[in-house]
Amino acid sequence: MQPTTTTVGRRALLLGLSASPLLAPTAGISQSTRGESPALVAFMSRSGNTRVVAGQLVQAHRADLFEIAPAEAYPEDYRQTVDLAKRQSDAGAEPALRALATDIARYQTVFLGFPIWGMTTPPPIRTFLSRHDLSGKTLVPFITHGGYGAGHSLAVLRRMAPGARLADAFVMQADQERDTLEKVTRWLQGTPPVPRSLR
């Protein structure tokens, strides 16, 4: 079956934005404007969906960009990441980040983006919230998920950024690795075995 126009367009957008200097992984804040921006887009993304939304926000608001990344990367394997994140969440762990956002005090608005992991925020988002004072700022969440909505994430934001003005969240269902793995697994169960000589 040929890819649909929508699939090709989304894939091209993801690849294009990922290759863009604007959305390249950063160790700190990437200044996207010549002057000082009143807004910061801080995001964490695993599969690229949240990264795309972050890129659109940066362009629309001429905001600065900060990628939230753990000091120790999560495993490439999706299921291993799920297991590790669950253990961290159950323990209330706040894994160290690769970098902290500098001069966050000067931003009036912080757009905070992340995928839903295990019905809540990924552990590095809790680290970001505990390491940065967002008091008096407008906090605008943008959330991607695989079918279960925002889960408990907004309660986490309210608890960990009590001094911020929490704006309505943008919540979007997006393709997830879990869905892909499950579909491929079901497909493989119906395929004939491959002779060892052809492997």
Protein backbone atom coordinates (compact mmCIF):
# COMPACT_ATOMS: atom_id res chain seq x y z
CA MET A 1 0.00 0.00 0.00
CA GLN A 2 1.34 3.43 -0.93
CA PRO A 3 1.71 6.02 1.83
CA THR A 4 -1.11 8.55 1.92
CA THR A 5 -0.50 12.21 1.20
CA THR A 6 -1.06 12.96 4.88
CA THR A 7 1.54 10.41 5.95
CA VAL A 8 4.11 11.68 3.51
CA GLY A 9 3.42 15.29 4.47
CA ARG A 10 3.75 14.61 8.20
CA ARG A 11 6.92 12.57 7.70
CA ALA A 12 8.46 15.31 5.58
CA LEU A 13 7.49 17.91 8.17
CA LEU A 14 9.05 15.89 10.98
CA LEU A 15 12.26 15.30 9.04
CA GLY A 16 12.46 18.91 7.92
CA LEU A 17 11.92 20.35 11.37
CA SER A 18 14.26 17.86 13.02
CA ALA A 19 17.01 18.89 10.62
CA SER A 20 16.31 22.58 11.14
CA PRO A 21 18.81 24.53 13.28
CA LEU A 22 15.79 25.93 15.12
CA LEU A 23 14.87 22.51 16.44
CA ALA A 24 18.26 20.89 16.72
CA PRO A 25 18.92 19.46 20.20
CA THR A 26 20.25 22.24 22.40
CA ALA A 27 22.31 22.34 25.56
CA GLY A 28 20.69 25.62 26.56
CA ILE A 29 18.28 28.23 25.29
CA SER A 30 18.32 28.86 21.57
CA GLN A 31 17.68 32.54 20.88
CA SER A 32 15.22 32.67 17.98
CA THR A 33 14.87 36.44 17.79
CA ARG A 34 17.30 39.32 17.62
CA GLY A 35 15.86 41.02 20.68
CA GLU A 36 14.69 39.54 23.94
CA SER A 37 11.65 37.29 23.65
CA PRO A 38 8.95 37.47 26.33
CA ALA A 39 8.15 33.79 25.77
CA LEU A 40 10.03 30.50 26.15
CA VAL A 41 9.03 27.22 24.53
CA ALA A 42 10.37 24.39 26.70
CA PHE A 43 9.70 20.89 25.46
CA MET A 44 10.55 17.22 25.76
CA SER A 45 9.98 14.89 22.83
CA ARG A 46 10.79 11.24 22.17
CA SER A 47 9.27 10.38 18.80
CA GLY A 48 9.12 13.91 17.34
CA ASN A 49 5.44 14.82 17.75
CA THR A 50 5.93 17.33 20.57
CA ARG A 51 8.97 18.74 18.77
CA VAL A 52 6.79 19.66 15.77
CA VAL A 53 4.33 21.56 17.97
CA ALA A 54 7.24 23.33 19.69
CA GLY A 55 8.56 24.47 16.32
CA GLN A 56 5.22 25.96 15.34
CA LEU A 57 4.99 27.84 18.64
CA VAL A 58 8.49 29.26 18.24
CA GLN A 59 7.66 30.55 14.78
CA ALA A 60 4.22 31.89 15.74
CA HIS A 61 5.38 33.75 18.86
CA ARG A 62 9.02 34.49 17.95
CA ALA A 63 9.81 32.68 21.19
CA ASP A 64 13.05 31.19 22.45
CA LEU A 65 13.48 27.43 22.54
CA PHE A 66 14.72 25.07 25.23
CA GLU A 67 14.82 21.29 24.92
CA ILE A 68 14.29 19.40 28.18
CA ALA A 69 16.58 16.38 28.01
CA PRO A 70 17.77 14.02 30.74
CA ALA A 71 21.48 13.93 31.46
CA GLU A 72 21.34 10.18 30.90
CA ALA A 73 19.33 9.36 27.79
CA TYR A 74 16.46 6.93 27.96
CA PRO A 75 16.92 3.59 26.15
CA GLU A 76 16.28 3.48 22.41
CA ASP A 77 13.95 0.54 22.98
CA TYR A 78 10.43 1.84 23.62
CA ARG A 79 9.41 -0.84 26.12
CA GLN A 80 12.61 -0.38 28.12
CA THR A 81 11.88 3.35 28.29
CA VAL A 82 8.33 2.68 29.48
CA ASP A 83 9.59 0.37 32.24
CA LEU A 84 12.29 2.81 33.38
CA ALA A 85 9.94 5.79 33.36
CA LYS A 86 7.38 3.85 35.42
CA ARG A 87 10.00 2.94 38.02
CA GLN A 88 11.10 6.58 38.20
CA SER A 89 7.52 7.85 38.50
CA ASP A 90 6.62 5.28 41.17
CA ALA A 91 9.67 6.38 43.16
CA GLY A 92 8.99 10.09 42.64
CA ALA A 93 12.41 10.39 41.02
CA GLU A 94 13.56 13.58 39.33
CA PRO A 95 16.35 12.57 36.91
CA ALA A 96 19.11 15.10 36.31
CA LEU A 97 18.77 17.23 33.19
CA ARG A 98 21.43 17.81 30.55
CA ALA A 99 21.03 21.56 31.10
CA LEU A 100 18.85 24.07 32.90
CA ALA A 101 17.16 27.06 31.27
CA THR A 102 19.19 30.18 31.91
CA ASP A 103 17.64 33.58 32.72
CA ILE A 104 14.16 32.05 32.98
CA ALA A 105 13.15 34.97 35.19
CA ARG A 106 12.93 37.26 32.16
CA TYR A 107 10.19 35.26 30.45
CA GLN A 108 6.58 36.25 31.02
CA THR A 109 5.15 33.15 29.35
CA VAL A 110 6.46 29.58 29.32
CA PHE A 111 4.98 27.08 26.86
CA LEU A 112 5.68 23.63 28.29
CA GLY A 113 5.41 20.63 25.97
CA PHE A 114 5.66 16.92 26.65
CA PRO A 115 4.21 13.52 25.74
CA ILE A 116 2.11 11.58 28.22
CA TRP A 117 4.01 8.65 29.73
CA GLY A 118 2.04 6.25 31.91
CA MET A 119 -0.91 8.65 32.25
CA THR A 120 1.27 11.47 33.58
CA THR A 121 4.22 13.76 32.84
CA PRO A 122 7.59 12.18 31.98
CA PRO A 123 9.96 12.30 35.00
CA PRO A 124 12.26 14.95 33.41
CA ILE A 125 9.30 17.35 33.27
CA ARG A 126 8.99 17.09 37.05
CA THR A 127 12.71 17.87 37.28
CA PHE A 128 12.24 20.94 35.06
CA LEU A 129 9.37 22.19 37.24
CA SER A 130 11.24 21.68 40.49
CA ARG A 131 14.44 23.36 39.20
CA HIS A 132 12.81 26.49 37.73
CA ASP A 133 10.73 29.09 39.54
CA LEU A 134 7.68 29.81 37.40
CA SER A 135 5.95 32.02 39.96
CA GLY A 136 4.03 34.88 38.37
CA LYS A 137 4.45 33.45 34.87
CA THR A 138 1.78 32.18 32.51
CA LEU A 139 2.35 28.45 32.00
CA VAL A 140 0.84 27.10 28.78
CA PRO A 141 0.97 23.29 28.47
CA PHE A 142 0.98 21.55 25.11
CA ILE A 143 0.60 17.81 25.40
CA THR A 144 0.71 14.88 22.99
CA HIS A 145 -0.70 11.48 23.86
CA GLY A 146 -1.47 8.08 22.38
CA GLY A 147 -5.19 7.94 23.13
CA TYR A 148 -5.68 8.47 26.85
CA GLY A 149 -5.72 12.26 27.00
CA ALA A 150 -3.73 14.40 29.43
CA GLY A 151 -3.97 11.84 32.25
CA HIS A 152 -2.82 13.25 35.60
CA SER A 153 -0.35 15.67 34.05
CA LEU A 154 -2.25 18.89 34.76
CA ALA A 155 -2.47 18.00 38.45
CA VAL A 156 1.32 17.57 38.41
CA LEU A 157 1.75 21.02 36.86
CA ARG A 158 -0.58 22.63 39.42
CA ARG A 159 1.25 20.94 42.29
CA MET A 160 4.78 21.66 41.10
CA ALA A 161 4.25 25.19 39.76
CA PRO A 162 1.75 26.59 42.28
CA GLY A 163 2.75 30.19 41.68
CA ALA A 164 2.20 30.05 37.92
CA ARG A 165 -0.97 31.01 36.08
CA LEU A 166 -1.92 27.74 34.37
CA ALA A 167 -3.51 28.42 30.99
CA ASP A 168 -5.75 26.01 29.11
CA ALA A 169 -3.72 23.13 27.73
CA PHE A 170 -3.44 22.16 24.08
CA VAL A 171 -3.89 18.38 24.08
CA MET A 172 -3.42 16.39 20.88
CA GLN A 173 -3.55 12.69 20.10
CA ALA A 174 -0.51 11.74 18.05
CA ASP A 175 0.98 8.56 16.60
CA GLN A 176 2.92 6.69 19.24
CA GLU A 177 5.62 4.03 19.17
CA ARG A 178 3.43 1.71 21.25
CA ASP A 179 0.72 1.73 18.59
CA THR A 180 3.28 0.95 15.91
CA LEU A 181 4.79 -1.90 17.91
CA GLU A 182 1.38 -3.43 18.59
CA LYS A 183 0.33 -3.19 14.93
CA VAL A 184 3.60 -4.74 13.74
CA THR A 185 3.31 -7.51 16.34
CA ARG A 186 -0.21 -8.37 15.16
CA TRP A 187 0.97 -8.34 11.56
CA LEU A 188 3.97 -10.56 12.31
CA GLN A 189 1.75 -13.13 13.99
CA GLY A 190 0.01 -13.70 10.66
CA THR A 191 3.09 -13.83 8.44
CA PRO A 192 4.65 -17.14 7.36
CA PRO A 193 7.95 -18.13 9.01
CA VAL A 194 11.07 -17.15 7.09
CA PRO A 195 13.43 -20.07 6.28
CA ARG A 196 16.75 -19.69 8.13
CA SER A 197 18.62 -19.75 4.82
CA LEU A 198 16.93 -16.45 3.86
CA ARG A 199 17.61 -14.61 7.13
